[in-house]
Amino acid sequence: MPKMKTHSGAKKRFKKLKNKFKYSCASKRHLLTKKTTKRKRNMRRGGIVHATDAGRVSRMLPNS
């Protein structure tokens, strides 16, 4: 059986912690002038992938 390939999009979006996955917020790249300072400040913080989605993310990142 061949090796599982890593999903290229997931590899760019998620980082593996000890037993969880970390992500950064979207919509932080362009069109920032129309977004409020509070909204941009809150987007600096990332987040942890919810437990119901963690299995799906781990299947996309088999080597981590």
PDB file of N, CA and C in Angstrom:
ATOM      1  N   MET A   1       0.841  -1.189   0.000  1.00  0.00           N
ATOM      2  CA  MET A   1       0.000   0.000   0.000  1.00  0.00           C
ATOM      3  C   MET A   1       0.886   1.253   0.000  1.00  0.00           C
ATOM      4  N   PRO A   2       0.597   2.248  -0.856  1.00  0.00           N
ATOM      5  CA  PRO A   2       1.442   3.443  -0.915  1.00  0.00           C
ATOM      6  C   PRO A   2       1.213   4.350   0.299  1.00  0.00           C
ATOM      7  N   LYS A   3       2.179   5.226   0.492  1.00  0.00           N
ATOM      8  CA  LYS A   3       2.073   6.175   1.597  1.00  0.00           C
ATOM      9  C   LYS A   3       0.959   7.173   1.327  1.00  0.00           C
ATOM     10  N   MET A   4       0.390   7.707   2.405  1.00  0.00           N
ATOM     11  CA  MET A   4      -0.623   8.757   2.284  1.00  0.00           C
ATOM     12  C   MET A   4       0.083  10.078   1.976  1.00  0.00           C
ATOM     13  N   LYS A   5      -0.472  10.850   1.053  1.00  0.00           N
ATOM     14  CA  LYS A   5       0.092  12.153   0.755  1.00  0.00           C
ATOM     15  C   LYS A   5      -0.492  13.195   1.703  1.00  0.00           C
ATOM     16  N   THR A   6       0.333  14.178   2.044  1.00  0.00           N
ATOM     17  CA  THR A   6      -0.108  15.286   2.879  1.00  0.00           C
ATOM     18  C   THR A   6      -0.921  16.250   2.026  1.00  0.00           C
ATOM     19  N   HIS A   7      -2.023  16.735   2.560  1.00  0.00           N
ATOM     20  CA  HIS A   7      -2.867  17.713   1.874  1.00  0.00           C
ATOM     21  C   HIS A   7      -2.147  19.058   1.893  1.00  0.00           C
ATOM     22  N   SER A   8      -1.829  19.592   0.711  1.00  0.00           N
ATOM     23  CA  SER A   8      -1.008  20.800   0.621  1.00  0.00           C
ATOM     24  C   SER A   8      -1.674  22.006   1.261  1.00  0.00           C
ATOM     25  N   GLY A   9      -2.996  22.137   1.117  1.00  0.00           N
ATOM     26  CA  GLY A   9      -3.697  23.266   1.723  1.00  0.00           C
ATOM     27  C   GLY A   9      -3.686  23.187   3.228  1.00  0.00           C
ATOM     28  N   ALA A  10      -3.855  21.985   3.769  1.00  0.00           N
ATOM     29  CA  ALA A  10      -3.872  21.813   5.225  1.00  0.00           C
ATOM     30  C   ALA A  10      -2.495  22.035   5.820  1.00  0.00           C
ATOM     31  N   LYS A  11      -1.474  21.648   5.074  1.00  0.00           N
ATOM     32  CA  LYS A  11      -0.101  21.810   5.547  1.00  0.00           C
ATOM     33  C   LYS A  11       0.231  23.288   5.767  1.00  0.00           C
ATOM     34  N   LYS A  12      -0.362  24.175   4.939  1.00  0.00           N
ATOM     35  CA  LYS A  12      -0.118  25.606   5.067  1.00  0.00           C
ATOM     36  C   LYS A  12      -0.972  26.252   6.151  1.00  0.00           C
ATOM     37  N   ARG A  13      -2.075  25.606   6.538  1.00  0.00           N
ATOM     38  CA  ARG A  13      -3.037  26.246   7.427  1.00  0.00           C
ATOM     39  C   ARG A  13      -3.004  25.773   8.870  1.00  0.00           C
ATOM     40  N   PHE A  14      -2.503  24.574   9.122  1.00  0.00           N
ATOM     41  CA  PHE A  14      -2.547  24.009  10.469  1.00  0.00           C
ATOM     42  C   PHE A  14      -1.160  23.628  10.950  1.00  0.00           C
ATOM     43  N   LYS A  15      -0.938  23.793  12.257  1.00  0.00           N
ATOM     44  CA  LYS A  15       0.290  23.344  12.901  1.00  0.00           C
ATOM     45  C   LYS A  15      -0.107  22.364  13.991  1.00  0.00           C
ATOM     46  N   LYS A  16       0.685  21.318  14.130  1.00  0.00           N
ATOM     47  CA  LYS A  16       0.393  20.274  15.109  1.00  0.00           C
ATOM     48  C   LYS A  16       0.977  20.668  16.458  1.00  0.00           C
ATOM     49  N   LEU A  17       0.158  20.652  17.504  1.00  0.00           N
ATOM     50  CA  LEU A  17       0.630  20.794  18.868  1.00  0.00           C
ATOM     51  C   LEU A  17       0.777  19.383  19.428  1.00  0.00           C
ATOM     52  N   LYS A  18       0.817  19.234  20.732  1.00  0.00           N
ATOM     53  CA  LYS A  18       1.021  17.905  21.296  1.00  0.00           C
ATOM     54  C   LYS A  18      -0.075  16.936  20.855  1.00  0.00           C
ATOM     55  N   ASN A  19      -1.326  17.287  21.078  1.00  0.00           N
ATOM     56  CA  ASN A  19      -2.425  16.413  20.639  1.00  0.00           C
ATOM     57  C   ASN A  19      -3.565  17.216  20.024  1.00  0.00           C
ATOM     58  N   LYS A  20      -3.268  18.457  19.598  1.00  0.00           N
ATOM     59  CA  LYS A  20      -4.274  19.329  18.995  1.00  0.00           C
ATOM     60  C   LYS A  20      -3.686  19.970  17.747  1.00  0.00           C
ATOM     61  N   PHE A  21      -4.510  20.731  17.048  1.00  0.00           N
ATOM     62  CA  PHE A  21      -4.056  21.463  15.873  1.00  0.00           C
ATOM     63  C   PHE A  21      -4.372  22.930  16.056  1.00  0.00           C
ATOM     64  N   LYS A  22      -3.414  23.773  15.674  1.00  0.00           N
ATOM     65  CA  LYS A  22      -3.533  25.208  15.815  1.00  0.00           C
ATOM     66  C   LYS A  22      -3.765  25.805  14.433  1.00  0.00           C
ATOM     67  N   TYR A  23      -4.553  26.878  14.361  1.00  0.00           N
ATOM     68  CA  TYR A  23      -4.761  27.578  13.097  1.00  0.00           C
ATOM     69  C   TYR A  23      -4.699  29.072  13.346  1.00  0.00           C
ATOM     70  N   SER A  24      -4.475  29.845  12.287  1.00  0.00           N
ATOM     71  CA  SER A  24      -4.525  31.296  12.397  1.00  0.00           C
ATOM     72  C   SER A  24      -5.764  31.788  11.676  1.00  0.00           C
ATOM     73  N   CYS A  25      -6.215  32.977  12.040  1.00  0.00           N
ATOM     74  CA  CYS A  25      -7.480  33.495  11.517  1.00  0.00           C
ATOM     75  C   CYS A  25      -7.348  33.883  10.051  1.00  0.00           C
ATOM     76  N   ALA A  26      -8.443  33.769   9.339  1.00  0.00           N
ATOM     77  CA  ALA A  26      -8.504  34.158   7.929  1.00  0.00           C
ATOM     78  C   ALA A  26      -8.826  35.652   7.817  1.00  0.00           C
ATOM     79  N   SER A  27      -8.832  36.166   6.609  1.00  0.00           N
ATOM     80  CA  SER A  27      -9.212  37.552   6.289  1.00  0.00           C
ATOM     81  C   SER A  27      -8.258  38.587   6.872  1.00  0.00           C
ATOM     82  N   LYS A  28      -6.993  38.245   7.001  1.00  0.00           N
ATOM     83  CA  LYS A  28      -6.023  39.163   7.588  1.00  0.00           C
ATOM     84  C   LYS A  28      -5.001  39.627   6.555  1.00  0.00           C
ATOM     85  N   ARG A  29      -5.203  39.326   5.272  1.00  0.00           N
ATOM     86  CA  ARG A  29      -4.177  39.590   4.264  1.00  0.00           C
ATOM     87  C   ARG A  29      -4.373  40.919   3.521  1.00  0.00           C
ATOM     88  N   HIS A  30      -5.595  41.217   3.129  1.00  0.00           N
ATOM     89  CA  HIS A  30      -5.828  42.434   2.354  1.00  0.00           C
ATOM     90  C   HIS A  30      -7.188  43.008   2.706  1.00  0.00           C
ATOM     91  N   LEU A  31      -7.495  44.184   2.157  1.00  0.00           N
ATOM     92  CA  LEU A  31      -8.721  44.929   2.452  1.00  0.00           C
ATOM     93  C   LEU A  31      -8.856  45.200   3.950  1.00  0.00           C
ATOM     94  N   LEU A  32      -7.748  45.610   4.562  1.00  0.00           N
ATOM     95  CA  LEU A  32      -7.743  45.816   6.007  1.00  0.00           C
ATOM     96  C   LEU A  32      -8.259  47.191   6.404  1.00  0.00           C
ATOM     97  N   THR A  33      -8.380  48.121   5.453  1.00  0.00           N
ATOM     98  CA  THR A  33      -8.797  49.472   5.818  1.00  0.00           C
ATOM     99  C   THR A  33     -10.261  49.526   6.229  1.00  0.00           C
ATOM    100  N   LYS A  34     -11.071  48.637   5.675  1.00  0.00           N
ATOM    101  CA  LYS A  34     -12.490  48.651   6.036  1.00  0.00           C
ATOM    102  C   LYS A  34     -12.781  47.886   7.319  1.00  0.00           C
ATOM    103  N   LYS A  35     -11.797  47.146   7.829  1.00  0.00           N
ATOM    104  CA  LYS A  35     -12.010  46.377   9.060  1.00  0.00           C
ATOM    105  C   LYS A  35     -11.633  47.228  10.265  1.00  0.00           C
ATOM    106  N   THR A  36     -12.381  47.094  11.338  1.00  0.00           N
ATOM    107  CA  THR A  36     -12.115  47.895  12.525  1.00  0.00           C
ATOM    108  C   THR A  36     -10.839  47.400  13.211  1.00  0.00           C
ATOM    109  N   THR A  37     -10.269  48.289  14.022  1.00  0.00           N
ATOM    110  CA  THR A  37      -9.052  47.947  14.741  1.00  0.00           C
ATOM    111  C   THR A  37      -9.293  46.792  15.699  1.00  0.00           C
ATOM    112  N   LYS A  38     -10.457  46.785  16.333  1.00  0.00           N
ATOM    113  CA  LYS A  38     -10.789  45.710  17.262  1.00  0.00           C
ATOM    114  C   LYS A  38     -10.851  44.367  16.542  1.00  0.00           C
ATOM    115  N   ARG A  39     -11.453  44.374  15.349  1.00  0.00           N
ATOM    116  CA  ARG A  39     -11.576  43.134  14.575  1.00  0.00           C
ATOM    117  C   ARG A  39     -10.210  42.620  14.148  1.00  0.00           C
ATOM    118  N   LYS A  40      -9.326  43.520  13.702  1.00  0.00           N
ATOM    119  CA  LYS A  40      -7.986  43.110  13.281  1.00  0.00           C
ATOM    120  C   LYS A  40      -7.160  42.616  14.467  1.00  0.00           C
ATOM    121  N   ARG A  41      -7.334  43.267  15.603  1.00  0.00           N
ATOM    122  CA  ARG A  41      -6.607  42.858  16.810  1.00  0.00           C
ATOM    123  C   ARG A  41      -7.040  41.465  17.251  1.00  0.00           C
ATOM    124  N   ASN A  42      -8.338  41.182  17.175  1.00  0.00           N
ATOM    125  CA  ASN A  42      -8.835  39.865  17.561  1.00  0.00           C
ATOM    126  C   ASN A  42      -8.418  38.787  16.568  1.00  0.00           C
ATOM    127  N   MET A  43      -8.148  39.155  15.329  1.00  0.00           N
ATOM    128  CA  MET A  43      -7.707  38.179  14.336  1.00  0.00           C
ATOM    129  C   MET A  43      -6.246  37.803  14.500  1.00  0.00           C
ATOM    130  N   ARG A  44      -5.492  38.551  15.331  1.00  0.00           N
ATOM    131  CA  ARG A  44      -4.102  38.179  15.588  1.00  0.00           C
ATOM    132  C   ARG A  44      -4.010  36.853  16.319  1.00  0.00           C
ATOM    133  N   ARG A  45      -4.974  36.628  17.201  1.00  0.00           N
ATOM    134  CA  ARG A  45      -4.982  35.365  17.942  1.00  0.00           C
ATOM    135  C   ARG A  45      -5.420  34.249  17.016  1.00  0.00           C
ATOM    136  N   GLY A  46      -4.799  33.137  17.153  1.00  0.00           N
ATOM    137  CA  GLY A  46      -5.220  31.974  16.393  1.00  0.00           C
ATOM    138  C   GLY A  46      -6.307  31.236  17.149  1.00  0.00           C
ATOM    139  N   GLY A  47      -6.386  29.966  16.918  1.00  0.00           N
ATOM    140  CA  GLY A  47      -7.359  29.161  17.617  1.00  0.00           C
ATOM    141  C   GLY A  47      -6.952  27.703  17.576  1.00  0.00           C
ATOM    142  N   ILE A  48      -7.690  26.906  18.304  1.00  0.00           N
ATOM    143  CA  ILE A  48      -7.473  25.468  18.341  1.00  0.00           C
ATOM    144  C   ILE A  48      -8.620  24.813  17.581  1.00  0.00           C
ATOM    145  N   VAL A  49      -8.305  23.871  16.718  1.00  0.00           N
ATOM    146  CA  VAL A  49      -9.323  23.169  15.944  1.00  0.00           C
ATOM    147  C   VAL A  49     -10.241  22.417  16.905  1.00  0.00           C
ATOM    148  N   HIS A  50     -11.537  22.513  16.684  1.00  0.00           N
ATOM    149  CA  HIS A  50     -12.523  21.857  17.533  1.00  0.00           C
ATOM    150  C   HIS A  50     -12.335  20.338  17.486  1.00  0.00           C
ATOM    151  N   ALA A  51     -12.689  19.677  18.567  1.00  0.00           N
ATOM    152  CA  ALA A  51     -12.455  18.236  18.695  1.00  0.00           C
ATOM    153  C   ALA A  51     -13.172  17.440  17.611  1.00  0.00           C
ATOM    154  N   THR A  52     -14.339  17.929  17.160  1.00  0.00           N
ATOM    155  CA  THR A  52     -15.070  17.194  16.131  1.00  0.00           C
ATOM    156  C   THR A  52     -14.379  17.270  14.773  1.00  0.00           C
ATOM    157  N   ASP A  53     -13.554  18.277  14.552  1.00  0.00           N
ATOM    158  CA  ASP A  53     -12.838  18.423  13.284  1.00  0.00           C
ATOM    159  C   ASP A  53     -11.392  17.939  13.358  1.00  0.00           C
ATOM    160  N   ALA A  54     -10.902  17.633  14.543  1.00  0.00           N
ATOM    161  CA  ALA A  54      -9.494  17.268  14.703  1.00  0.00           C
ATOM    162  C   ALA A  54      -9.150  15.985  13.947  1.00  0.00           C
ATOM    163  N   GLY A  55     -10.067  15.035  13.910  1.00  0.00           N
ATOM    164  CA  GLY A  55      -9.812  13.799  13.173  1.00  0.00           C
ATOM    165  C   GLY A  55      -9.676  14.031  11.693  1.00  0.00           C
ATOM    166  N   ARG A  56     -10.498  14.926  11.162  1.00  0.00           N
ATOM    167  CA  ARG A  56     -10.439  15.252   9.742  1.00  0.00           C
ATOM    168  C   ARG A  56      -9.114  15.927   9.399  1.00  0.00           C
ATOM    169  N   VAL A  57      -8.661  16.825  10.259  1.00  0.00           N
ATOM    170  CA  VAL A  57      -7.391  17.509  10.016  1.00  0.00           C
ATOM    171  C   VAL A  57      -6.226  16.535  10.128  1.00  0.00           C
ATOM    172  N   SER A  58      -6.281  15.627  11.097  1.00  0.00           N
ATOM    173  CA  SER A  58      -5.175  14.671  11.245  1.00  0.00           C
ATOM    174  C   SER A  58      -5.095  13.705  10.077  1.00  0.00           C
ATOM    175  N   ARG A  59      -6.228  13.414   9.426  1.00  0.00           N
ATOM    176  CA  ARG A  59      -6.185  12.570   8.216  1.00  0.00           C
ATOM    177  C   ARG A  59      -5.558  13.336   7.056  1.00  0.00           C
ATOM    178  N   MET A  60      -5.724  14.662   7.025  1.00  0.00           N
ATOM    179  CA  MET A  60      -5.105  15.451   5.950  1.00  0.00           C
ATOM    180  C   MET A  60      -3.601  15.619   6.183  1.00  0.00           C
ATOM    181  N   LEU A  61      -3.149  15.473   7.434  1.00  0.00           N
ATOM    182  CA  LEU A  61      -1.735  15.614   7.769  1.00  0.00           C
ATOM    183  C   LEU A  61      -1.232  14.291   8.355  1.00  0.00           C
ATOM    184  N   PRO A  62      -1.056  13.264   7.536  1.00  0.00           N
ATOM    185  CA  PRO A  62      -0.715  11.953   8.086  1.00  0.00           C
ATOM    186  C   PRO A  62       0.695  11.871   8.657  1.00  0.00           C
ATOM    187  N   ASN A  63       1.605  12.737   8.205  1.00  0.00           N
ATOM    188  CA  ASN A  63       2.993  12.630   8.637  1.00  0.00           C
ATOM    189  C   ASN A  63       3.272  13.385   9.931  1.00  0.00           C
ATOM    190  N   SER A  64       2.248  14.064  10.467  1.00  0.00           N
ATOM    191  CA  SER A  64       2.491  14.839  11.693  1.00  0.00           C
ATOM    192  C   SER A  64       1.903  14.134  12.896  1.00  0.00           C
TER     193      SER A  64
END
